[in-house]
Amino acid sequence: MTDDPLLVDARGTRCPVPVIRVARAARDRPAGTTLVLLADDVAARSDVPAWGRMRGHAVTLVDAGSWTEYRVVLGGPPAGPPESTPGASTEPTAGTAGTSGRGQVDRST
């Protein structure tokens, strides 16, 4: 693997294309990989960092005149299941997995 970041040029495209392109480029790449996204869509200023937070990636922005450079360092997979909230029920509720289809909880499993 080289140390050169993968360049994703999404200049001239509009929401949601820049974030879709960087997400596709990130797919199946190992943690620690650096991607550089170039985009001139104002919506990308909020979309790309939000996507990065949701996926556990570090995102930095550099204004470069009429466009912005987003440097994305890919994080790893989540460390484990999310922590439960004290006092929260682990029972399935109607309308979710574990229901019998009639709005009642199926407790036979």
C-alpha atoms as a PDB file:
ATOM      1  CA  MET A   1       0.000   0.000   0.000  1.00  0.00           C
ATOM      2  CA  THR A   2       1.327   3.468  -0.832  1.00  0.00           C
ATOM      3  CA  ASP A   3       1.272   6.495   1.424  1.00  0.00           C
ATOM      4  CA  ASP A   4      -0.341   8.618  -1.289  1.00  0.00           C
ATOM      5  CA  PRO A   5      -3.974   9.400  -0.494  1.00  0.00           C
ATOM      6  CA  LEU A   6      -6.649   8.315  -2.927  1.00  0.00           C
ATOM      7  CA  LEU A   7      -8.050  11.381  -4.719  1.00  0.00           C
ATOM      8  CA  VAL A   8     -11.805  11.680  -5.267  1.00  0.00           C
ATOM      9  CA  ASP A   9     -12.683  14.709  -7.398  1.00  0.00           C
ATOM     10  CA  ALA A  10     -16.364  15.613  -7.038  1.00  0.00           C
ATOM     11  CA  ARG A  11     -16.046  19.254  -8.105  1.00  0.00           C
ATOM     12  CA  GLY A  12     -18.943  20.331 -10.288  1.00  0.00           C
ATOM     13  CA  THR A  13     -21.362  17.847  -8.699  1.00  0.00           C
ATOM     14  CA  ARG A  14     -24.161  18.587  -6.252  1.00  0.00           C
ATOM     15  CA  CYS A  15     -25.580  16.931  -3.157  1.00  0.00           C
ATOM     16  CA  PRO A  16     -25.568  14.018  -2.531  1.00  0.00           C
ATOM     17  CA  VAL A  17     -22.929  13.057  -5.134  1.00  0.00           C
ATOM     18  CA  PRO A  18     -19.767  14.183  -3.231  1.00  0.00           C
ATOM     19  CA  VAL A  19     -20.575  12.139  -0.127  1.00  0.00           C
ATOM     20  CA  ILE A  20     -21.656   9.161  -2.244  1.00  0.00           C
ATOM     21  CA  ARG A  21     -18.370   9.226  -4.143  1.00  0.00           C
ATOM     22  CA  VAL A  22     -16.216   9.388  -1.022  1.00  0.00           C
ATOM     23  CA  ALA A  23     -18.303   6.639   0.626  1.00  0.00           C
ATOM     24  CA  ARG A  24     -17.813   4.392  -2.412  1.00  0.00           C
ATOM     25  CA  ALA A  25     -14.077   5.095  -2.409  1.00  0.00           C
ATOM     26  CA  ALA A  26     -13.909   4.221   1.310  1.00  0.00           C
ATOM     27  CA  ARG A  27     -15.714   0.913   0.885  1.00  0.00           C
ATOM     28  CA  ASP A  28     -13.483  -2.125   1.531  1.00  0.00           C
ATOM     29  CA  ARG A  29     -10.421   0.002   2.299  1.00  0.00           C
ATOM     30  CA  PRO A  30      -8.529  -0.682   5.533  1.00  0.00           C
ATOM     31  CA  ALA A  31      -8.509   1.553   8.591  1.00  0.00           C
ATOM     32  CA  GLY A  32      -5.821   4.202   8.360  1.00  0.00           C
ATOM     33  CA  THR A  33      -6.332   4.763   4.628  1.00  0.00           C
ATOM     34  CA  THR A  34      -6.428   8.446   3.669  1.00  0.00           C
ATOM     35  CA  LEU A  35      -8.848   9.740   1.034  1.00  0.00           C
ATOM     36  CA  VAL A  36      -8.885  13.277  -0.317  1.00  0.00           C
ATOM     37  CA  LEU A  37     -12.216  14.558  -1.604  1.00  0.00           C
ATOM     38  CA  LEU A  38     -12.375  17.748  -3.660  1.00  0.00           C
ATOM     39  CA  ALA A  39     -15.842  19.310  -3.741  1.00  0.00           C
ATOM     40  CA  ASP A  40     -17.381  22.702  -4.439  1.00  0.00           C
ATOM     41  CA  ASP A  41     -20.928  21.959  -3.280  1.00  0.00           C
ATOM     42  CA  VAL A  42     -21.786  23.915  -0.116  1.00  0.00           C
ATOM     43  CA  ALA A  43     -23.876  21.005   1.225  1.00  0.00           C
ATOM     44  CA  ALA A  44     -20.740  18.846   1.341  1.00  0.00           C
ATOM     45  CA  ARG A  45     -19.425  21.077   4.160  1.00  0.00           C
ATOM     46  CA  SER A  46     -21.960  19.477   6.483  1.00  0.00           C
ATOM     47  CA  ASP A  47     -22.622  16.166   4.676  1.00  0.00           C
ATOM     48  CA  VAL A  48     -19.050  14.861   4.539  1.00  0.00           C
ATOM     49  CA  PRO A  49     -18.176  15.521   8.213  1.00  0.00           C
ATOM     50  CA  ALA A  50     -21.546  14.029   9.282  1.00  0.00           C
ATOM     51  CA  TRP A  51     -20.890  10.898   7.200  1.00  0.00           C
ATOM     52  CA  GLY A  52     -17.409  10.667   8.714  1.00  0.00           C
ATOM     53  CA  ARG A  53     -18.752  10.893  12.277  1.00  0.00           C
ATOM     54  CA  MET A  54     -21.353   8.199  11.566  1.00  0.00           C
ATOM     55  CA  ARG A  55     -18.689   5.874  10.142  1.00  0.00           C
ATOM     56  CA  GLY A  56     -15.927   6.600  12.670  1.00  0.00           C
ATOM     57  CA  HIS A  57     -13.632   8.422  10.218  1.00  0.00           C
ATOM     58  CA  ALA A  58     -11.591  11.560  10.908  1.00  0.00           C
ATOM     59  CA  VAL A  59     -12.413  14.404   8.510  1.00  0.00           C
ATOM     60  CA  THR A  60     -10.510  17.672   8.129  1.00  0.00           C
ATOM     61  CA  LEU A  61     -11.444  20.516   5.786  1.00  0.00           C
ATOM     62  CA  VAL A  62      -9.156  22.902   3.929  1.00  0.00           C
ATOM     63  CA  ASP A  63     -10.658  25.762   1.924  1.00  0.00           C
ATOM     64  CA  ALA A  64      -8.938  26.052  -1.439  1.00  0.00           C
ATOM     65  CA  GLY A  65     -10.659  29.047  -3.004  1.00  0.00           C
ATOM     66  CA  SER A  66     -13.779  28.031  -4.880  1.00  0.00           C
ATOM     67  CA  TRP A  67     -13.703  24.444  -3.579  1.00  0.00           C
ATOM     68  CA  THR A  68     -12.897  22.547  -0.391  1.00  0.00           C
ATOM     69  CA  GLU A  69     -10.481  19.688   0.230  1.00  0.00           C
ATOM     70  CA  TYR A  70     -11.774  17.056   2.655  1.00  0.00           C
ATOM     71  CA  ARG A  71      -9.046  14.817   4.050  1.00  0.00           C
ATOM     72  CA  VAL A  72     -10.628  11.614   5.381  1.00  0.00           C
ATOM     73  CA  VAL A  73      -8.679   9.100   7.469  1.00  0.00           C
ATOM     74  CA  LEU A  74     -10.670   5.912   7.667  1.00  0.00           C
ATOM     75  CA  GLY A  75     -11.358   4.479  11.093  1.00  0.00           C
ATOM     76  CA  GLY A  76     -11.845   0.857  11.966  1.00  0.00           C
ATOM     77  CA  PRO A  77     -15.022  -1.091  12.558  1.00  0.00           C
ATOM     78  CA  PRO A  78     -16.966  -0.386  15.750  1.00  0.00           C
ATOM     79  CA  ALA A  79     -15.290  -1.876  18.828  1.00  0.00           C
ATOM     80  CA  GLY A  80     -18.410  -3.710  19.960  1.00  0.00           C
ATOM     81  CA  PRO A  81     -22.124  -3.392  20.632  1.00  0.00           C
ATOM     82  CA  PRO A  82     -23.335  -0.005  21.814  1.00  0.00           C
ATOM     83  CA  GLU A  83     -23.598   0.442  25.548  1.00  0.00           C
ATOM     84  CA  SER A  84     -27.068  -0.058  26.936  1.00  0.00           C
ATOM     85  CA  THR A  85     -28.870   2.642  28.839  1.00  0.00           C
ATOM     86  CA  PRO A  86     -29.407   1.740  32.514  1.00  0.00           C
ATOM     87  CA  GLY A  87     -33.011   0.724  33.077  1.00  0.00           C
ATOM     88  CA  ALA A  88     -33.720   0.225  29.378  1.00  0.00           C
ATOM     89  CA  SER A  89     -35.693  -2.865  28.442  1.00  0.00           C
ATOM     90  CA  THR A  90     -34.170  -5.472  26.170  1.00  0.00           C
ATOM     91  CA  GLU A  91     -37.600  -6.937  25.346  1.00  0.00           C
ATOM     92  CA  PRO A  92     -38.700  -6.576  21.701  1.00  0.00           C
ATOM     93  CA  THR A  93     -41.582  -4.202  21.152  1.00  0.00           C
ATOM     94  CA  ALA A  94     -44.531  -4.445  18.819  1.00  0.00           C
ATOM     95  CA  GLY A  95     -43.592  -3.660  15.241  1.00  0.00           C
ATOM     96  CA  THR A  96     -40.017  -4.901  15.609  1.00  0.00           C
ATOM     97  CA  ALA A  97     -38.192  -8.196  15.292  1.00  0.00           C
ATOM     98  CA  GLY A  98     -39.727 -10.798  17.540  1.00  0.00           C
ATOM     99  CA  THR A  99     -43.326  -9.848  16.841  1.00  0.00           C
ATOM    100  CA  SER A 100     -45.928 -12.278  15.650  1.00  0.00           C
ATOM    101  CA  GLY A 101     -47.134  -9.894  12.937  1.00  0.00           C
ATOM    102  CA  ARG A 102     -50.295  -8.996  14.872  1.00  0.00           C
ATOM    103  CA  GLY A 103     -48.675  -6.275  16.986  1.00  0.00           C
ATOM    104  CA  GLN A 104     -48.057  -8.664  19.892  1.00  0.00           C
ATOM    105  CA  VAL A 105     -44.669  -9.756  21.139  1.00  0.00           C
ATOM    106  CA  ASP A 106     -43.830 -13.367  20.268  1.00  0.00           C
ATOM    107  CA  ARG A 107     -42.185 -14.792  23.382  1.00  0.00           C
ATOM    108  CA  SER A 108     -41.764 -18.318  21.986  1.00  0.00           C
ATOM    109  CA  THR A 109     -38.165 -17.695  20.872  1.00  0.00           C
END
